[in-house]
N, C-alpha and C. Protein backbone atom coordinates (compact mmCIF):
# COMPACT_ATOMS: atom_id res chain seq x y z
N UNK A 1 -161.03 109.93 149.75
CA UNK A 1 -159.96 109.77 150.86
C UNK A 1 -160.92 108.99 151.85
N UNK A 2 -161.22 108.14 151.90
CA UNK A 2 -161.58 107.13 152.69
C UNK A 2 -162.18 107.57 153.97
N UNK A 3 -160.87 107.88 155.04
CA UNK A 3 -161.12 107.93 156.15
C UNK A 3 -160.67 109.53 156.22
N UNK A 4 -161.45 110.67 156.02
CA UNK A 4 -161.19 112.08 156.39
C UNK A 4 -160.69 112.11 157.85
N UNK A 5 -159.67 112.88 157.66
CA UNK A 5 -158.86 113.44 159.01
C UNK A 5 -159.78 114.30 160.06
N UNK A 6 -159.47 114.12 161.60
CA UNK A 6 -160.24 114.96 162.28
C UNK A 6 -158.98 115.85 163.07
N UNK A 7 -159.15 117.29 162.82
CA UNK A 7 -158.17 117.91 163.09
C UNK A 7 -158.83 119.04 164.26
N UNK A 8 -157.88 119.13 165.71
CA UNK A 8 -157.89 119.65 166.48
C UNK A 8 -156.58 120.64 166.91
N UNK A 9 -156.73 121.58 167.16
CA UNK A 9 -155.77 122.67 167.49
C UNK A 9 -155.64 122.62 168.87
N UNK A 10 -154.72 122.87 169.54
CA UNK A 10 -154.31 123.52 171.02
C UNK A 10 -152.63 123.64 171.21
N UNK A 11 -152.80 124.48 172.06
CA UNK A 11 -151.24 124.99 172.50
C UNK A 11 -150.00 124.38 171.47
N UNK A 12 -150.38 125.26 170.14
CA UNK A 12 -149.21 125.05 169.35
C UNK A 12 -148.86 123.63 168.52
N UNK A 13 -150.23 122.98 169.07
CA UNK A 13 -149.95 121.62 168.60
C UNK A 13 -151.16 121.41 167.80
N UNK A 14 -151.22 120.52 166.55
CA UNK A 14 -152.37 119.89 166.05
C UNK A 14 -152.66 118.25 166.33
N UNK A 15 -153.82 117.87 166.57
CA UNK A 15 -153.77 116.31 166.75
C UNK A 15 -154.63 116.14 165.85
N UNK A 16 -154.39 114.86 165.04
CA UNK A 16 -155.06 114.66 163.91
C UNK A 16 -155.57 113.20 164.36
N UNK A 17 -156.62 112.53 163.74
CA UNK A 17 -157.22 111.75 163.87
C UNK A 17 -157.83 111.19 162.76
N UNK A 18 -157.10 109.97 162.39
CA UNK A 18 -157.40 108.87 160.92
C UNK A 18 -157.87 107.73 161.11
N UNK A 19 -158.49 107.18 161.10
CA UNK A 19 -159.47 105.77 161.46
C UNK A 19 -159.16 105.54 162.83
N UNK A 20 -159.96 106.24 163.80
CA UNK A 20 -159.04 106.27 165.35
C UNK A 20 -157.43 105.73 165.55
N UNK A 21 -156.70 106.55 164.51
CA UNK A 21 -154.86 106.64 164.96
C UNK A 21 -155.01 108.19 164.82
N UNK A 22 -154.33 108.24 166.33
CA UNK A 22 -153.98 109.86 166.46
C UNK A 22 -152.52 110.45 166.24
N UNK A 23 -152.90 111.33 165.62
CA UNK A 23 -151.53 111.81 165.25
C UNK A 23 -150.70 113.46 165.95
N UNK A 24 -149.34 113.62 166.06
CA UNK A 24 -149.63 115.07 166.36
C UNK A 24 -148.71 115.94 165.61
N UNK A 25 -148.96 117.02 164.95
CA UNK A 25 -147.93 117.60 164.46
C UNK A 25 -148.21 118.84 164.92
N UNK A 26 -146.86 119.85 165.11
CA UNK A 26 -146.07 120.74 165.99
C UNK A 26 -145.37 121.64 164.65
N UNK A 27 -145.03 122.51 165.25
CA UNK A 27 -144.42 123.67 164.76
C UNK A 27 -145.14 124.22 163.31
N UNK A 28 -145.99 124.53 162.92
CA UNK A 28 -146.96 125.08 162.31
C UNK A 28 -145.81 125.87 160.92
N UNK A 29 -145.22 126.51 161.85
CA UNK A 29 -144.65 127.90 160.98
C UNK A 29 -143.17 127.21 160.12
N UNK A 30 -142.62 125.93 160.48
CA UNK A 30 -141.75 125.02 159.80
C UNK A 30 -141.80 125.02 158.34
N UNK A 31 -140.96 124.65 157.97
CA UNK A 31 -141.13 124.15 155.83
C UNK A 31 -141.99 123.05 155.97
N UNK A 32 -142.67 123.13 154.80
CA UNK A 32 -143.91 122.26 154.72
C UNK A 32 -142.68 120.90 154.92
N UNK A 33 -141.83 120.33 154.12
CA UNK A 33 -140.45 119.58 154.69
C UNK A 33 -140.46 119.23 155.85
N UNK A 34 -139.98 120.37 156.68
CA UNK A 34 -139.55 120.41 158.13
C UNK A 34 -140.96 119.53 158.90
N UNK A 35 -141.76 120.32 158.49
CA UNK A 35 -143.09 119.68 159.29
C UNK A 35 -143.27 117.75 159.04
N UNK A 36 -143.33 117.65 157.58
CA UNK A 36 -143.30 116.27 157.41
C UNK A 36 -142.32 114.95 158.12
N UNK A 37 -141.46 115.70 157.73
CA UNK A 37 -140.44 115.25 158.99
C UNK A 37 -140.34 114.87 160.21
N UNK A 38 -141.08 116.20 161.19
CA UNK A 38 -141.18 116.14 162.35
C UNK A 38 -142.36 115.22 162.74
N UNK A 39 -143.22 115.36 161.46
CA UNK A 39 -144.47 114.77 161.81
C UNK A 39 -144.08 112.73 161.63
N UNK A 40 -143.13 112.76 160.93
CA UNK A 40 -143.04 110.51 160.73
C UNK A 40 -142.08 110.65 162.09
N UNK A 41 -140.92 111.35 162.42
CA UNK A 41 -140.24 111.20 163.64
C UNK A 41 -141.11 110.99 164.96
N UNK A 42 -142.24 112.14 165.09
CA UNK A 42 -143.14 111.93 166.23
C UNK A 42 -144.30 110.79 165.87
N UNK A 43 -144.50 110.04 165.23
CA UNK A 43 -145.38 109.24 164.69
C UNK A 43 -144.89 108.11 164.03
N UNK A 44 -143.60 107.50 164.34
CA UNK A 44 -142.90 106.52 163.67
C UNK A 44 -144.10 105.03 163.79
N UNK A 45 -143.92 103.96 162.62
CA UNK A 45 -144.38 103.45 162.87
C UNK A 45 -145.85 102.93 162.19
N UNK A 46 -146.03 104.10 162.04
CA UNK A 46 -147.59 104.26 161.43
C UNK A 46 -147.99 104.53 159.40
N UNK A 47 -148.87 103.92 159.56
CA UNK A 47 -148.74 104.28 157.92
C UNK A 47 -149.83 105.04 157.41
N UNK A 48 -149.13 106.12 156.47
CA UNK A 48 -150.19 106.98 156.01
C UNK A 48 -150.28 106.96 154.41
N UNK A 49 -151.19 107.09 153.59
CA UNK A 49 -151.69 107.33 152.79
C UNK A 49 -151.05 108.90 152.11
N UNK A 50 -150.67 108.81 150.92
CA UNK A 50 -149.99 110.23 150.52
C UNK A 50 -151.48 111.19 150.26
N UNK A 51 -152.62 110.75 150.24
CA UNK A 51 -153.64 111.84 150.02
C UNK A 51 -154.09 112.04 151.94
N UNK A 52 -153.86 111.52 152.87
CA UNK A 52 -153.65 111.48 153.88
C UNK A 52 -152.87 112.83 154.01
N UNK A 53 -151.78 112.73 153.63
CA UNK A 53 -150.48 114.06 153.96
C UNK A 53 -150.85 114.72 153.30
N UNK A 54 -151.31 114.53 151.94
CA UNK A 54 -151.66 115.91 151.19
C UNK A 54 -153.07 117.01 152.12
N UNK A 55 -153.48 116.08 152.43
CA UNK A 55 -154.59 117.19 153.42
C UNK A 55 -154.45 117.36 154.51
N UNK A 56 -153.75 116.65 155.42
CA UNK A 56 -152.93 116.72 156.77
C UNK A 56 -152.07 118.07 156.38
N UNK A 57 -151.32 118.07 155.40
CA UNK A 57 -150.06 119.38 155.41
C UNK A 57 -150.57 120.20 154.58
N UNK A 58 -151.67 120.26 153.37
CA UNK A 58 -152.22 121.22 152.35
C UNK A 58 -151.05 121.38 151.45
N UNK A 59 -150.73 120.27 151.08
CA UNK A 59 -149.78 120.31 150.06
C UNK A 59 -149.63 119.04 149.31
N UNK A 60 -149.38 119.09 147.79
CA UNK A 60 -149.38 118.14 147.16
C UNK A 60 -147.98 117.34 146.49
N UNK A 61 -146.85 118.35 146.76
CA UNK A 61 -145.51 117.34 146.66
C UNK A 61 -145.27 116.59 147.79
N UNK A 62 -145.73 115.85 147.93
CA UNK A 62 -145.54 114.49 149.02
C UNK A 62 -144.66 113.53 148.65
N UNK A 63 -144.62 113.08 147.18
CA UNK A 63 -143.50 112.12 146.75
C UNK A 63 -142.44 113.04 146.83
N UNK A 64 -142.20 113.93 146.50
CA UNK A 64 -140.92 114.35 146.19
C UNK A 64 -140.38 114.97 147.80
N UNK A 65 -141.23 115.50 148.43
CA UNK A 65 -140.65 115.70 149.90
C UNK A 65 -140.13 114.16 150.67
N UNK A 66 -140.93 113.41 150.19
CA UNK A 66 -140.18 111.84 151.12
C UNK A 66 -139.37 111.37 150.33
N UNK A 67 -138.93 111.81 148.82
CA UNK A 67 -137.86 111.57 148.56
C UNK A 67 -136.71 111.99 148.95
N UNK A 68 -136.86 113.59 148.93
CA UNK A 68 -135.77 114.02 149.68
C UNK A 68 -135.50 114.03 151.28
N UNK A 69 -136.52 113.32 151.93
CA UNK A 69 -136.21 113.30 152.99
C UNK A 69 -135.31 111.46 153.15
N UNK A 70 -135.78 110.67 152.16
CA UNK A 70 -135.19 109.72 152.15
C UNK A 70 -133.67 109.75 151.52
N UNK A 71 -133.23 111.12 150.95
CA UNK A 71 -131.92 111.29 150.48
C UNK A 71 -131.37 111.92 151.65
N UNK A 72 -131.87 112.23 152.67
CA UNK A 72 -131.31 113.09 153.83
C UNK A 72 -130.93 111.83 154.69
N UNK A 73 -131.39 110.67 154.67
CA UNK A 73 -131.21 109.47 155.42
C UNK A 73 -132.29 108.87 156.49
N UNK A 74 -133.20 109.91 156.35
CA UNK A 74 -134.25 109.10 156.95
C UNK A 74 -135.21 108.19 156.71
N UNK A 75 -135.33 106.63 157.29
CA UNK A 75 -135.87 105.73 156.34
C UNK A 75 -137.29 105.60 156.47
N UNK A 76 -138.02 106.24 155.25
CA UNK A 76 -139.52 106.36 155.40
C UNK A 76 -139.28 105.13 154.47
N UNK A 77 -140.29 104.45 154.89
CA UNK A 77 -140.60 103.20 153.82
C UNK A 77 -142.07 103.58 152.69
N UNK A 78 -142.15 102.66 151.86
CA UNK A 78 -143.48 102.96 150.95
C UNK A 78 -144.19 101.67 150.47
N UNK A 79 -145.65 101.68 150.97
CA UNK A 79 -146.63 100.44 149.79
C UNK A 79 -147.20 101.07 149.45
N UNK A 80 -147.66 100.11 148.13
CA UNK A 80 -148.68 101.28 147.48
C UNK A 80 -149.91 100.93 147.83
N UNK A 81 -149.95 100.02 149.03
CA UNK A 81 -151.78 100.07 149.55
C UNK A 81 -151.64 100.70 150.75
N UNK A 82 -150.56 100.74 151.34
CA UNK A 82 -150.50 101.72 152.87
C UNK A 82 -150.46 102.88 152.78
N UNK A 83 -149.44 103.12 152.07
CA UNK A 83 -148.79 104.32 151.99
C UNK A 83 -147.02 104.92 152.53
N UNK A 84 -147.22 105.56 153.43
CA UNK A 84 -145.53 106.01 153.72
C UNK A 84 -145.36 105.41 155.49
N UNK A 85 -144.54 105.23 155.59
CA UNK A 85 -143.86 105.19 157.40
C UNK A 85 -142.66 105.06 157.34
N UNK A 86 -142.50 105.79 158.75
CA UNK A 86 -141.11 106.00 159.35
C UNK A 86 -140.80 104.69 160.11
N UNK A 87 -139.84 104.29 159.98
CA UNK A 87 -139.40 102.60 160.93
C UNK A 87 -137.95 102.61 160.48
N UNK A 88 -137.48 101.79 161.67
CA UNK A 88 -135.78 101.79 161.88
C UNK A 88 -135.83 99.82 161.94
N UNK A 89 -136.96 99.16 161.15
CA UNK A 89 -137.21 97.38 161.17
C UNK A 89 -136.57 97.23 160.31
N UNK A 90 -135.09 96.30 160.02
CA UNK A 90 -133.98 96.10 158.64
C UNK A 90 -135.23 95.44 157.64
N UNK A 91 -135.71 94.49 158.22
CA UNK A 91 -136.25 93.69 157.21
C UNK A 91 -137.45 94.77 156.34
N UNK A 92 -138.07 95.56 156.96
CA UNK A 92 -139.19 96.33 156.25
C UNK A 92 -138.28 97.52 155.36
N UNK A 93 -137.06 97.88 156.06
CA UNK A 93 -136.26 98.91 155.18
C UNK A 93 -135.68 98.22 154.10
N UNK A 94 -135.08 96.78 153.87
CA UNK A 94 -134.57 96.06 153.01
C UNK A 94 -135.62 95.78 151.37
N UNK A 95 -136.63 95.52 152.61
CA UNK A 95 -137.82 94.97 151.27
C UNK A 95 -138.10 96.40 150.28
N UNK A 96 -138.16 97.71 151.18
CA UNK A 96 -138.51 98.82 150.13
C UNK A 96 -137.26 99.12 149.28
N UNK A 97 -136.29 99.00 149.77
CA UNK A 97 -134.56 99.09 149.06
C UNK A 97 -134.89 98.29 147.93
N UNK A 98 -135.22 97.09 147.72
CA UNK A 98 -135.55 95.85 146.90
C UNK A 98 -136.33 97.00 146.32
N UNK A 99 -137.24 96.92 146.31
CA UNK A 99 -138.70 97.68 145.63
C UNK A 99 -138.08 99.00 144.82
N UNK A 100 -137.44 99.90 145.44
CA UNK A 100 -137.38 100.87 144.92
C UNK A 100 -136.10 100.93 143.49
N UNK A 101 -134.97 99.77 143.95
CA UNK A 101 -134.05 99.35 143.08
C UNK A 101 -134.45 98.79 141.90
N UNK A 102 -135.49 98.17 141.98
CA UNK A 102 -135.95 97.42 140.63
C UNK A 102 -136.94 98.18 140.14
N UNK A 103 -137.88 99.15 140.73
CA UNK A 103 -138.30 100.38 140.12
C UNK A 103 -137.44 101.31 139.23
N UNK A 104 -135.95 101.73 139.74
CA UNK A 104 -134.69 102.26 139.24
C UNK A 104 -134.61 101.47 137.96
N UNK A 105 -134.09 100.40 138.51
CA UNK A 105 -133.60 99.57 136.79
C UNK A 105 -134.73 99.69 135.98
N UNK A 106 -136.06 99.33 135.92
CA UNK A 106 -136.87 99.14 135.32
C UNK A 106 -137.20 100.80 134.29
N UNK A 107 -136.94 101.95 135.08
CA UNK A 107 -136.93 103.56 134.41
C UNK A 107 -135.68 103.85 133.74
N UNK A 108 -134.87 103.00 134.09
CA UNK A 108 -133.53 103.09 133.60
C UNK A 108 -133.40 102.58 132.16
N UNK A 109 -133.92 101.21 131.99
CA UNK A 109 -133.74 100.62 130.81
C UNK A 109 -135.01 101.34 130.06
N UNK A 110 -136.09 101.79 130.47
CA UNK A 110 -137.16 102.42 129.79
C UNK A 110 -136.40 103.90 128.91
N UNK A 111 -135.55 104.13 130.05
CA UNK A 111 -134.57 105.54 129.25
C UNK A 111 -133.61 105.58 128.35
N UNK A 112 -132.97 103.97 127.99
CA UNK A 112 -131.52 103.77 127.27
C UNK A 112 -132.72 103.29 126.11
N UNK A 113 -133.67 102.81 126.18
CA UNK A 113 -134.86 102.64 125.18
C UNK A 113 -135.01 103.79 124.16
N UNK A 114 -135.21 104.56 125.16
CA UNK A 114 -135.79 106.22 124.48
C UNK A 114 -134.41 106.77 123.89
N UNK A 115 -132.97 106.42 124.40
CA UNK A 115 -132.00 106.83 123.78
C UNK A 115 -131.66 107.12 122.33
N UNK A 116 -132.09 105.88 121.54
CA UNK A 116 -131.67 105.84 120.03
C UNK A 116 -132.61 106.36 119.16
N UNK A 117 -133.61 107.55 119.96
CA UNK A 117 -134.24 108.68 119.12
C UNK A 117 -133.66 110.01 119.22
N UNK A 118 -132.63 109.89 120.08
CA UNK A 118 -132.11 111.31 120.31
C UNK A 118 -131.15 111.42 119.47
C-alpha cells in the first residue's frame, strides 16, 4: 500500500488519516458490513482503494461487502485506479452502472461458451 493509514482512537471513534485525508470510523462492535456502510456514509465522495479498506477494517472480503451494500441500495461506485466511494452524483453512478453492466455481459458470454462442455 502506497500510503499507510495513520490510525488514532478517542472517545469510541477511530480517526484514520490516509495521504492527508481524514476519515472517521465509529461503532467498533458492529458487523464489518455495517462498519463499512457507516464509514462510507460518514465519508462520502472520498475514494478509497480496497487495500486501504482492508487495512482499516482488518478484513479481506471488501469486494463482496461492497456488492452486498450496492444490492441494499447504497450507491458505492468503483474505479480500477481510484478504488471505491459513495456518491449521489447521477453522472458518476451512471458511468459505474454502465461499466458493471458491460462486465456482467462479458461474464455471461464466457459462461455461455463454457455451457457446451457440461
